[in-house]
Amino acid sequence: MKTIMDMKEIERALTRMAHEIIEDNRGCKNIALIGIRTGGVPLAERLCQKMAAIEGVRPSIGILDITLYRDDWSRLSQHPLVKKTEIDFSLDDKTVVLVDDVIYTGRTIRAALDALTDLGRPRKIQLAALVDRGRRELPIQPDYVGLVVATAKDEHVNVFLNELDGRDEVVLELIASKAD
């Protein structure tokens, strides 16, 4: 296991991403940050706090559960655990920034896009990911990235966040092959 981002590096990356989002969208007006359960939720909140500190305006923030929108949910479990989507504002004509901890194949984001379009019609959808580990299966690219790390198929990126795990750290680990 190798640490690829520590607490300071995560905070520095989120600060940079907050500035980029503000700059690209000329402020926070009409922006909604939507965290994808689970890892995207605390990251969206942190980005929201940083953007509010920079601009003096707090963007709208919500939580998106994509469980039933995944194309692999039946492989994951016969009884998927569906949690609540919490978006208490209209997405219509907003710039929505989807936030997730890691982007890999692109399938989670595809599911999130499907879920969002069932909730409204945003003016624009952007994507922010703390870690981009490459190896896409779908043509989806993030607009804002904390760290790009090339990974092999037998490597996994784990994002640990204080709000969920009691620590801030991103680690790269080798997954044991099934032949072992």
N, C-alpha and C. Protein backbone atom coordinates (compact mmCIF):
# COMPACT_ATOMS: atom_id res chain seq x y z
N MET A 1 0.85 -1.18 0.00
CA MET A 1 0.00 0.00 0.00
C MET A 1 0.90 1.24 0.00
N LYS A 2 0.55 2.21 -0.85
CA LYS A 2 1.35 3.41 -0.96
C LYS A 2 0.45 4.64 -0.87
N THR A 3 0.78 5.58 0.01
CA THR A 3 0.02 6.82 0.13
C THR A 3 0.37 7.71 -1.06
N ILE A 4 -0.67 8.13 -1.81
CA ILE A 4 -0.42 9.02 -2.95
C ILE A 4 -0.93 10.44 -2.70
N MET A 5 -1.75 10.62 -1.67
CA MET A 5 -2.17 11.95 -1.22
C MET A 5 -2.36 11.91 0.28
N ASP A 6 -1.77 12.88 0.97
CA ASP A 6 -2.01 12.98 2.40
C ASP A 6 -3.03 14.09 2.65
N MET A 7 -3.29 14.38 3.91
CA MET A 7 -4.30 15.37 4.29
C MET A 7 -4.03 16.74 3.65
N LYS A 8 -2.79 17.20 3.72
CA LYS A 8 -2.46 18.51 3.15
C LYS A 8 -2.61 18.53 1.64
N GLU A 9 -2.23 17.45 0.99
CA GLU A 9 -2.35 17.38 -0.47
C GLU A 9 -3.82 17.34 -0.91
N ILE A 10 -4.65 16.65 -0.15
CA ILE A 10 -6.09 16.62 -0.46
C ILE A 10 -6.67 18.02 -0.32
N GLU A 11 -6.37 18.71 0.77
CA GLU A 11 -6.91 20.06 0.98
C GLU A 11 -6.39 21.03 -0.09
N ARG A 12 -5.13 20.92 -0.45
CA ARG A 12 -4.55 21.78 -1.48
C ARG A 12 -5.25 21.52 -2.83
N ALA A 13 -5.48 20.27 -3.14
CA ALA A 13 -6.16 19.92 -4.40
C ALA A 13 -7.59 20.46 -4.41
N LEU A 14 -8.31 20.32 -3.31
CA LEU A 14 -9.68 20.83 -3.24
C LEU A 14 -9.73 22.34 -3.33
N THR A 15 -8.78 23.02 -2.73
CA THR A 15 -8.72 24.48 -2.83
C THR A 15 -8.50 24.90 -4.29
N ARG A 16 -7.58 24.23 -4.97
CA ARG A 16 -7.33 24.53 -6.38
C ARG A 16 -8.58 24.25 -7.22
N MET A 17 -9.23 23.12 -6.97
CA MET A 17 -10.44 22.78 -7.72
C MET A 17 -11.54 23.81 -7.49
N ALA A 18 -11.70 24.27 -6.25
CA ALA A 18 -12.71 25.30 -5.95
C ALA A 18 -12.43 26.56 -6.75
N HIS A 19 -11.17 26.98 -6.78
CA HIS A 19 -10.80 28.17 -7.57
C HIS A 19 -11.09 27.95 -9.06
N GLU A 20 -10.78 26.78 -9.57
CA GLU A 20 -11.02 26.48 -10.99
C GLU A 20 -12.50 26.52 -11.33
N ILE A 21 -13.33 25.94 -10.46
CA ILE A 21 -14.78 25.94 -10.69
C ILE A 21 -15.31 27.37 -10.72
N ILE A 22 -14.87 28.18 -9.76
CA ILE A 22 -15.30 29.57 -9.69
C ILE A 22 -14.84 30.33 -10.94
N GLU A 23 -13.59 30.14 -11.30
CA GLU A 23 -13.05 30.85 -12.47
C GLU A 23 -13.77 30.46 -13.75
N ASP A 24 -13.95 29.16 -13.97
CA ASP A 24 -14.60 28.69 -15.20
C ASP A 24 -16.06 29.12 -15.30
N ASN A 25 -16.70 29.32 -14.15
CA ASN A 25 -18.13 29.65 -14.15
C ASN A 25 -18.39 31.10 -13.74
N ARG A 26 -17.33 31.90 -13.68
CA ARG A 26 -17.43 33.32 -13.34
C ARG A 26 -18.19 33.55 -12.04
N GLY A 27 -17.79 32.81 -11.02
CA GLY A 27 -18.41 32.95 -9.71
C GLY A 27 -19.20 31.72 -9.32
N CYS A 28 -19.94 31.84 -8.23
CA CYS A 28 -20.72 30.73 -7.69
C CYS A 28 -22.21 30.81 -8.03
N LYS A 29 -22.60 31.92 -8.64
CA LYS A 29 -24.01 32.12 -8.93
C LYS A 29 -24.54 31.01 -9.85
N ASN A 30 -25.65 30.43 -9.46
CA ASN A 30 -26.34 29.42 -10.25
C ASN A 30 -25.59 28.10 -10.35
N ILE A 31 -24.66 27.85 -9.42
CA ILE A 31 -23.93 26.58 -9.38
C ILE A 31 -24.54 25.69 -8.31
N ALA A 32 -24.66 24.41 -8.63
CA ALA A 32 -25.08 23.40 -7.66
C ALA A 32 -24.03 22.30 -7.62
N LEU A 33 -23.51 22.04 -6.44
CA LEU A 33 -22.58 20.93 -6.25
C LEU A 33 -23.38 19.72 -5.82
N ILE A 34 -23.23 18.61 -6.54
CA ILE A 34 -23.97 17.39 -6.23
C ILE A 34 -22.96 16.29 -5.95
N GLY A 35 -22.92 15.85 -4.69
CA GLY A 35 -22.01 14.77 -4.30
C GLY A 35 -22.65 13.42 -4.57
N ILE A 36 -21.89 12.54 -5.22
CA ILE A 36 -22.36 11.18 -5.49
C ILE A 36 -22.04 10.34 -4.26
N ARG A 37 -23.08 9.65 -3.74
CA ARG A 37 -22.86 8.79 -2.58
C ARG A 37 -21.83 7.74 -2.93
N THR A 38 -20.88 7.46 -2.13
CA THR A 38 -20.68 7.91 -0.78
C THR A 38 -19.55 8.92 -0.73
N GLY A 39 -18.43 8.64 -1.39
CA GLY A 39 -17.24 9.48 -1.29
C GLY A 39 -17.40 10.88 -1.81
N GLY A 40 -18.30 11.10 -2.76
CA GLY A 40 -18.47 12.43 -3.33
C GLY A 40 -19.17 13.40 -2.41
N VAL A 41 -19.90 12.90 -1.43
CA VAL A 41 -20.69 13.77 -0.55
C VAL A 41 -19.81 14.67 0.33
N PRO A 42 -18.86 14.13 1.09
CA PRO A 42 -18.03 15.03 1.89
C PRO A 42 -17.13 15.92 1.03
N LEU A 43 -16.74 15.44 -0.13
CA LEU A 43 -15.92 16.27 -1.02
C LEU A 43 -16.73 17.44 -1.56
N ALA A 44 -17.99 17.21 -1.90
CA ALA A 44 -18.86 18.30 -2.37
C ALA A 44 -19.04 19.33 -1.26
N GLU A 45 -19.21 18.89 -0.02
CA GLU A 45 -19.36 19.81 1.11
C GLU A 45 -18.09 20.63 1.31
N ARG A 46 -16.95 19.99 1.20
CA ARG A 46 -15.69 20.73 1.36
C ARG A 46 -15.50 21.75 0.24
N LEU A 47 -15.82 21.35 -0.99
CA LEU A 47 -15.73 22.31 -2.10
C LEU A 47 -16.69 23.47 -1.88
N CYS A 48 -17.89 23.17 -1.41
CA CYS A 48 -18.88 24.21 -1.14
C CYS A 48 -18.36 25.20 -0.11
N GLN A 49 -17.77 24.70 0.96
CA GLN A 49 -17.22 25.57 2.01
C GLN A 49 -16.09 26.44 1.46
N LYS A 50 -15.22 25.85 0.65
CA LYS A 50 -14.10 26.60 0.08
C LYS A 50 -14.61 27.68 -0.89
N MET A 51 -15.59 27.32 -1.72
CA MET A 51 -16.14 28.29 -2.67
C MET A 51 -16.84 29.43 -1.94
N ALA A 52 -17.56 29.11 -0.87
CA ALA A 52 -18.24 30.14 -0.09
C ALA A 52 -17.23 31.07 0.56
N ALA A 53 -16.11 30.53 1.04
CA ALA A 53 -15.07 31.36 1.66
C ALA A 53 -14.41 32.28 0.63
N ILE A 54 -14.25 31.80 -0.58
CA ILE A 54 -13.60 32.58 -1.63
C ILE A 54 -14.54 33.67 -2.17
N GLU A 55 -15.79 33.30 -2.43
CA GLU A 55 -16.73 34.18 -3.11
C GLU A 55 -17.71 34.90 -2.20
N GLY A 56 -17.89 34.39 -0.98
CA GLY A 56 -18.90 34.97 -0.10
C GLY A 56 -20.30 34.53 -0.45
N VAL A 57 -20.43 33.57 -1.35
CA VAL A 57 -21.72 33.02 -1.76
C VAL A 57 -21.62 31.50 -1.69
N ARG A 58 -22.57 30.90 -0.99
CA ARG A 58 -22.56 29.44 -0.85
C ARG A 58 -23.36 28.82 -2.00
N PRO A 59 -22.72 27.96 -2.80
CA PRO A 59 -23.47 27.29 -3.87
C PRO A 59 -24.51 26.34 -3.27
N SER A 60 -25.52 26.02 -4.06
CA SER A 60 -26.47 24.98 -3.65
C SER A 60 -25.70 23.67 -3.56
N ILE A 61 -26.16 22.80 -2.68
CA ILE A 61 -25.48 21.51 -2.53
C ILE A 61 -26.50 20.41 -2.33
N GLY A 62 -26.24 19.24 -2.92
CA GLY A 62 -27.15 18.12 -2.81
C GLY A 62 -26.39 16.80 -2.83
N ILE A 63 -27.15 15.73 -2.58
CA ILE A 63 -26.60 14.38 -2.53
C ILE A 63 -27.38 13.52 -3.52
N LEU A 64 -26.64 12.74 -4.33
CA LEU A 64 -27.25 11.89 -5.34
C LEU A 64 -26.92 10.43 -5.06
N ASP A 65 -27.96 9.60 -4.97
CA ASP A 65 -27.76 8.15 -4.87
C ASP A 65 -28.03 7.56 -6.25
N ILE A 66 -27.09 6.80 -6.76
CA ILE A 66 -27.20 6.27 -8.12
C ILE A 66 -27.40 4.76 -8.15
N THR A 67 -27.65 4.15 -7.01
CA THR A 67 -27.68 2.69 -6.90
C THR A 67 -28.50 2.04 -8.00
N LEU A 68 -29.73 2.47 -8.19
CA LEU A 68 -30.60 1.80 -9.17
C LEU A 68 -30.33 2.23 -10.61
N TYR A 69 -29.45 3.19 -10.80
CA TYR A 69 -29.10 3.63 -12.14
C TYR A 69 -27.85 2.93 -12.67
N ARG A 70 -27.17 2.20 -11.80
CA ARG A 70 -25.94 1.51 -12.21
C ARG A 70 -26.28 0.37 -13.17
N ASP A 71 -25.43 0.14 -14.16
CA ASP A 71 -25.67 -0.96 -15.08
C ASP A 71 -25.16 -2.29 -14.52
N ASP A 72 -24.55 -2.25 -13.34
CA ASP A 72 -24.02 -3.46 -12.73
C ASP A 72 -24.62 -3.77 -11.36
N TRP A 73 -25.73 -3.10 -10.99
CA TRP A 73 -26.25 -3.27 -9.63
C TRP A 73 -26.68 -4.71 -9.35
N SER A 74 -27.18 -5.41 -10.37
CA SER A 74 -27.60 -6.80 -10.13
C SER A 74 -26.40 -7.71 -9.89
N ARG A 75 -25.23 -7.33 -10.39
CA ARG A 75 -24.01 -8.10 -10.12
C ARG A 75 -23.49 -7.83 -8.71
N LEU A 76 -23.75 -6.63 -8.21
CA LEU A 76 -23.22 -6.24 -6.91
C LEU A 76 -24.01 -6.87 -5.76
N SER A 77 -25.32 -6.97 -5.93
CA SER A 77 -26.15 -7.49 -4.85
C SER A 77 -27.55 -7.79 -5.36
N GLN A 78 -28.16 -8.85 -4.83
CA GLN A 78 -29.55 -9.16 -5.17
C GLN A 78 -30.50 -8.14 -4.54
N HIS A 79 -30.06 -7.54 -3.42
CA HIS A 79 -30.87 -6.56 -2.71
C HIS A 79 -30.02 -5.31 -2.49
N PRO A 80 -29.94 -4.45 -3.50
CA PRO A 80 -29.08 -3.27 -3.36
C PRO A 80 -29.61 -2.33 -2.27
N LEU A 81 -28.68 -1.71 -1.56
CA LEU A 81 -29.03 -0.76 -0.51
C LEU A 81 -29.20 0.62 -1.14
N VAL A 82 -30.44 1.02 -1.29
CA VAL A 82 -30.74 2.32 -1.90
C VAL A 82 -30.85 3.35 -0.79
N LYS A 83 -30.08 4.42 -0.94
CA LYS A 83 -30.14 5.51 0.03
C LYS A 83 -30.84 6.69 -0.64
N LYS A 84 -31.13 7.67 0.15
CA LYS A 84 -31.92 8.80 -0.30
C LYS A 84 -31.10 9.80 -1.13
N THR A 85 -31.69 10.26 -2.23
CA THR A 85 -31.16 11.41 -2.95
C THR A 85 -31.72 12.63 -2.25
N GLU A 86 -30.84 13.58 -1.93
CA GLU A 86 -31.26 14.77 -1.21
C GLU A 86 -30.90 16.02 -2.01
N ILE A 87 -31.82 16.40 -2.87
CA ILE A 87 -31.65 17.63 -3.66
C ILE A 87 -32.95 18.41 -3.49
N ASP A 88 -32.90 19.45 -2.66
CA ASP A 88 -34.12 20.18 -2.32
C ASP A 88 -34.25 21.50 -3.08
N PHE A 89 -33.75 21.51 -4.32
CA PHE A 89 -33.83 22.69 -5.17
C PHE A 89 -33.95 22.21 -6.61
N SER A 90 -34.38 23.08 -7.47
CA SER A 90 -34.52 22.74 -8.88
C SER A 90 -33.15 22.73 -9.56
N LEU A 91 -32.93 21.73 -10.39
CA LEU A 91 -31.70 21.66 -11.18
C LEU A 91 -31.84 22.42 -12.50
N ASP A 92 -33.06 22.78 -12.85
CA ASP A 92 -33.31 23.45 -14.13
C ASP A 92 -32.47 24.71 -14.27
N ASP A 93 -31.77 24.80 -15.39
CA ASP A 93 -30.95 25.96 -15.77
C ASP A 93 -29.77 26.22 -14.85
N LYS A 94 -29.43 25.29 -13.97
CA LYS A 94 -28.25 25.45 -13.11
C LYS A 94 -27.03 24.82 -13.78
N THR A 95 -25.87 25.27 -13.37
CA THR A 95 -24.64 24.57 -13.70
C THR A 95 -24.41 23.59 -12.57
N VAL A 96 -24.51 22.31 -12.88
CA VAL A 96 -24.36 21.26 -11.88
C VAL A 96 -22.93 20.73 -11.96
N VAL A 97 -22.27 20.71 -10.83
CA VAL A 97 -20.94 20.10 -10.74
C VAL A 97 -21.12 18.80 -9.96
N LEU A 98 -21.03 17.68 -10.68
CA LEU A 98 -21.07 16.37 -10.04
C LEU A 98 -19.72 16.16 -9.36
N VAL A 99 -19.74 15.66 -8.13
CA VAL A 99 -18.50 15.47 -7.38
C VAL A 99 -18.40 14.00 -6.95
N ASP A 100 -17.25 13.40 -7.25
CA ASP A 100 -16.99 12.02 -6.82
C ASP A 100 -15.55 11.92 -6.36
N ASP A 101 -15.26 10.87 -5.60
CA ASP A 101 -13.91 10.71 -5.08
C ASP A 101 -12.94 10.19 -6.14
N VAL A 102 -13.34 9.19 -6.90
CA VAL A 102 -12.46 8.59 -7.91
C VAL A 102 -13.23 8.39 -9.20
N ILE A 103 -12.62 8.72 -10.32
CA ILE A 103 -13.19 8.34 -11.61
C ILE A 103 -12.28 7.28 -12.21
N TYR A 104 -12.91 6.21 -12.68
CA TYR A 104 -12.17 5.08 -13.22
C TYR A 104 -12.78 4.72 -14.58
N THR A 105 -13.76 3.84 -14.60
CA THR A 105 -14.34 3.39 -15.87
C THR A 105 -15.27 4.41 -16.50
N GLY A 106 -15.89 5.26 -15.68
CA GLY A 106 -16.87 6.22 -16.17
C GLY A 106 -18.29 5.76 -15.96
N ARG A 107 -18.47 4.53 -15.51
CA ARG A 107 -19.82 3.97 -15.35
C ARG A 107 -20.61 4.63 -14.22
N THR A 108 -19.95 4.99 -13.15
CA THR A 108 -20.64 5.70 -12.06
C THR A 108 -21.17 7.04 -12.56
N ILE A 109 -20.36 7.74 -13.32
CA ILE A 109 -20.78 9.05 -13.83
C ILE A 109 -21.91 8.90 -14.84
N ARG A 110 -21.86 7.87 -15.68
CA ARG A 110 -22.96 7.63 -16.61
C ARG A 110 -24.26 7.43 -15.84
N ALA A 111 -24.20 6.66 -14.77
CA ALA A 111 -25.39 6.43 -13.94
C ALA A 111 -25.85 7.74 -13.30
N ALA A 112 -24.90 8.55 -12.85
CA ALA A 112 -25.25 9.84 -12.23
C ALA A 112 -25.91 10.77 -13.24
N LEU A 113 -25.43 10.77 -14.46
CA LEU A 113 -26.05 11.59 -15.50
C LEU A 113 -27.49 11.16 -15.76
N ASP A 114 -27.72 9.84 -15.80
CA ASP A 114 -29.09 9.34 -15.97
C ASP A 114 -29.98 9.77 -14.82
N ALA A 115 -29.47 9.67 -13.61
CA ALA A 115 -30.25 10.06 -12.43
C ALA A 115 -30.55 11.55 -12.45
N LEU A 116 -29.56 12.36 -12.81
CA LEU A 116 -29.78 13.82 -12.85
C LEU A 116 -30.84 14.22 -13.86
N THR A 117 -30.82 13.58 -15.02
CA THR A 117 -31.80 13.97 -16.05
C THR A 117 -33.23 13.59 -15.64
N ASP A 118 -33.37 12.65 -14.72
CA ASP A 118 -34.69 12.34 -14.19
C ASP A 118 -35.16 13.41 -13.20
N LEU A 119 -34.23 14.23 -12.71
CA LEU A 119 -34.56 15.23 -11.69
C LEU A 119 -34.72 16.64 -12.24
N GLY A 120 -34.32 16.86 -13.48
CA GLY A 120 -34.43 18.20 -14.04
C GLY A 120 -33.54 18.35 -15.26
N ARG A 121 -33.48 19.58 -15.75
CA ARG A 121 -32.67 19.85 -16.93
C ARG A 121 -31.66 20.95 -16.63
N PRO A 122 -30.47 20.55 -16.16
CA PRO A 122 -29.43 21.54 -15.89
C PRO A 122 -28.99 22.25 -17.18
N ARG A 123 -28.51 23.47 -17.03
CA ARG A 123 -27.97 24.21 -18.17
C ARG A 123 -26.69 23.56 -18.65
N LYS A 124 -25.88 23.11 -17.65
CA LYS A 124 -24.60 22.50 -17.96
C LYS A 124 -24.26 21.55 -16.81
N ILE A 125 -23.58 20.45 -17.13
CA ILE A 125 -23.10 19.52 -16.11
C ILE A 125 -21.59 19.41 -16.25
N GLN A 126 -20.91 19.61 -15.14
CA GLN A 126 -19.45 19.46 -15.08
C GLN A 126 -19.13 18.36 -14.09
N LEU A 127 -17.90 17.87 -14.16
CA LEU A 127 -17.49 16.77 -13.29
C LEU A 127 -16.22 17.12 -12.55
N ALA A 128 -16.25 16.91 -11.23
CA ALA A 128 -15.07 17.10 -10.37
C ALA A 128 -14.78 15.77 -9.68
N ALA A 129 -13.53 15.32 -9.77
CA ALA A 129 -13.11 14.09 -9.11
C ALA A 129 -11.79 14.34 -8.39
N LEU A 130 -11.69 13.86 -7.17
CA LEU A 130 -10.44 14.04 -6.44
C LEU A 130 -9.30 13.28 -7.12
N VAL A 131 -9.59 12.06 -7.59
CA VAL A 131 -8.57 11.24 -8.24
C VAL A 131 -9.10 10.70 -9.56
N ASP A 132 -8.31 10.87 -10.62
CA ASP A 132 -8.60 10.27 -11.92
C ASP A 132 -7.57 9.18 -12.13
N ARG A 133 -8.03 7.93 -12.12
CA ARG A 133 -7.09 6.82 -12.25
C ARG A 133 -7.04 6.24 -13.66
N GLY A 134 -7.71 6.91 -14.61
CA GLY A 134 -7.62 6.47 -16.00
C GLY A 134 -8.37 5.19 -16.28
N ARG A 135 -8.05 4.56 -17.41
CA ARG A 135 -8.60 3.27 -17.82
C ARG A 135 -10.11 3.34 -18.06
N ARG A 136 -10.57 4.38 -18.73
CA ARG A 136 -11.98 4.59 -18.99
C ARG A 136 -12.57 3.52 -19.90
N GLU A 137 -13.81 3.13 -19.63
CA GLU A 137 -14.58 2.26 -20.50
C GLU A 137 -15.61 3.06 -21.29
N LEU A 138 -15.90 4.27 -20.82
CA LEU A 138 -16.86 5.16 -21.47
C LEU A 138 -16.17 6.49 -21.74
N PRO A 139 -16.62 7.22 -22.75
CA PRO A 139 -15.97 8.50 -23.10
C PRO A 139 -16.39 9.65 -22.18
N ILE A 140 -15.97 9.55 -20.93
CA ILE A 140 -16.31 10.55 -19.92
C ILE A 140 -15.02 11.06 -19.31
N GLN A 141 -14.86 12.39 -19.26
CA GLN A 141 -13.66 13.00 -18.71
C GLN A 141 -14.04 14.05 -17.68
N PRO A 142 -13.32 14.11 -16.56
CA PRO A 142 -13.61 15.14 -15.57
C PRO A 142 -13.13 16.52 -16.00
N ASP A 143 -13.85 17.54 -15.55
CA ASP A 143 -13.46 18.93 -15.80
C ASP A 143 -12.47 19.42 -14.75
N TYR A 144 -12.58 18.89 -13.54
CA TYR A 144 -11.73 19.31 -12.42
C TYR A 144 -11.21 18.06 -11.72
N VAL A 145 -9.89 18.00 -11.55
CA VAL A 145 -9.25 16.82 -10.97
C VAL A 145 -8.22 17.24 -9.94
N GLY A 146 -8.21 16.54 -8.82
CA GLY A 146 -7.20 16.79 -7.80
C GLY A 146 -5.87 16.15 -8.15
N LEU A 147 -5.92 14.89 -8.60
CA LEU A 147 -4.71 14.14 -8.93
C LEU A 147 -5.01 13.14 -10.02
N VAL A 148 -4.15 13.09 -11.02
CA VAL A 148 -4.23 12.06 -12.06
C VAL A 148 -3.16 11.04 -11.75
N VAL A 149 -3.56 9.78 -11.64
CA VAL A 149 -2.61 8.71 -11.37
C VAL A 149 -2.91 7.54 -12.31
N ALA A 150 -1.91 7.14 -13.07
CA ALA A 150 -2.07 6.00 -13.98
C ALA A 150 -2.03 4.72 -13.14
N THR A 151 -3.02 3.88 -13.32
CA THR A 151 -3.08 2.64 -12.55
C THR A 151 -3.14 1.44 -13.48
N ALA A 152 -2.68 0.33 -12.96
CA ALA A 152 -2.83 -0.95 -13.66
C ALA A 152 -4.14 -1.59 -13.22
N LYS A 153 -4.59 -2.59 -13.97
CA LYS A 153 -5.85 -3.24 -13.62
C LYS A 153 -5.81 -3.90 -12.24
N ASP A 154 -4.63 -4.31 -11.81
CA ASP A 154 -4.53 -4.98 -10.51
C ASP A 154 -4.23 -4.01 -9.37
N GLU A 155 -4.40 -2.71 -9.62
CA GLU A 155 -4.23 -1.71 -8.58
C GLU A 155 -5.57 -1.07 -8.26
N HIS A 156 -5.72 -0.64 -7.04
CA HIS A 156 -6.97 -0.01 -6.59
C HIS A 156 -6.64 1.28 -5.85
N VAL A 157 -7.44 2.30 -6.06
CA VAL A 157 -7.28 3.56 -5.34
C VAL A 157 -8.35 3.63 -4.26
N ASN A 158 -7.92 3.81 -3.03
CA ASN A 158 -8.84 3.99 -1.90
C ASN A 158 -8.72 5.41 -1.39
N VAL A 159 -9.87 6.09 -1.31
CA VAL A 159 -9.91 7.44 -0.75
C VAL A 159 -10.53 7.33 0.63
N PHE A 160 -9.77 7.75 1.63
CA PHE A 160 -10.25 7.78 3.00
C PHE A 160 -10.48 9.24 3.37
N LEU A 161 -11.69 9.53 3.84
CA LEU A 161 -12.04 10.90 4.20
C LEU A 161 -12.42 10.97 5.67
N ASN A 162 -11.99 12.02 6.31
CA ASN A 162 -12.21 12.19 7.74
C ASN A 162 -13.68 12.00 8.13
N GLU A 163 -14.59 12.53 7.32
CA GLU A 163 -16.02 12.46 7.63
C GLU A 163 -16.55 11.02 7.61
N LEU A 164 -15.92 10.16 6.84
CA LEU A 164 -16.37 8.77 6.71
C LEU A 164 -15.47 7.77 7.41
N ASP A 165 -14.16 8.05 7.42
CA ASP A 165 -13.18 7.07 7.86
C ASP A 165 -12.29 7.53 9.01
N GLY A 166 -12.44 8.78 9.43
CA GLY A 166 -11.63 9.28 10.52
C GLY A 166 -10.22 9.71 10.13
N ARG A 167 -9.93 9.74 8.82
CA ARG A 167 -8.63 10.21 8.34
C ARG A 167 -8.73 10.64 6.89
N ASP A 168 -7.84 11.52 6.47
CA ASP A 168 -7.76 11.97 5.08
C ASP A 168 -6.51 11.39 4.46
N GLU A 169 -6.71 10.51 3.48
CA GLU A 169 -5.59 9.87 2.82
C GLU A 169 -6.08 9.17 1.56
N VAL A 170 -5.27 9.20 0.52
CA VAL A 170 -5.55 8.44 -0.68
C VAL A 170 -4.41 7.45 -0.84
N VAL A 171 -4.77 6.17 -0.96
CA VAL A 171 -3.75 5.13 -1.07
C VAL A 171 -3.95 4.31 -2.34
N LEU A 172 -2.84 3.84 -2.86
CA LEU A 172 -2.82 2.96 -4.01
C LEU A 172 -2.40 1.58 -3.50
N GLU A 173 -3.19 0.57 -3.80
CA GLU A 173 -2.83 -0.77 -3.34
C GLU A 173 -2.95 -1.79 -4.44
N LEU A 174 -2.14 -2.81 -4.35
CA LEU A 174 -2.15 -3.91 -5.29
C LEU A 174 -3.21 -4.89 -4.84
N ILE A 175 -4.06 -5.31 -5.78
CA ILE A 175 -5.11 -6.29 -5.47
C ILE A 175 -4.54 -7.67 -5.78
N ALA A 176 -4.66 -8.56 -4.83
CA ALA A 176 -4.17 -9.93 -5.04
C ALA A 176 -4.97 -10.60 -6.14
N SER A 177 -4.27 -11.30 -7.02
CA SER A 177 -4.96 -11.99 -8.11
C SER A 177 -5.68 -13.21 -7.56
N LYS A 178 -6.71 -13.66 -8.28
CA LYS A 178 -7.52 -14.78 -7.84
C LYS A 178 -6.74 -16.09 -7.92
N ALA A 179 -5.66 -16.12 -8.69
CA ALA A 179 -4.85 -17.32 -8.82
C ALA A 179 -3.99 -17.55 -7.58
N ASP A 180 -3.79 -16.50 -6.77
CA ASP A 180 -2.92 -16.62 -5.59
C ASP A 180 -3.54 -17.44 -4.50
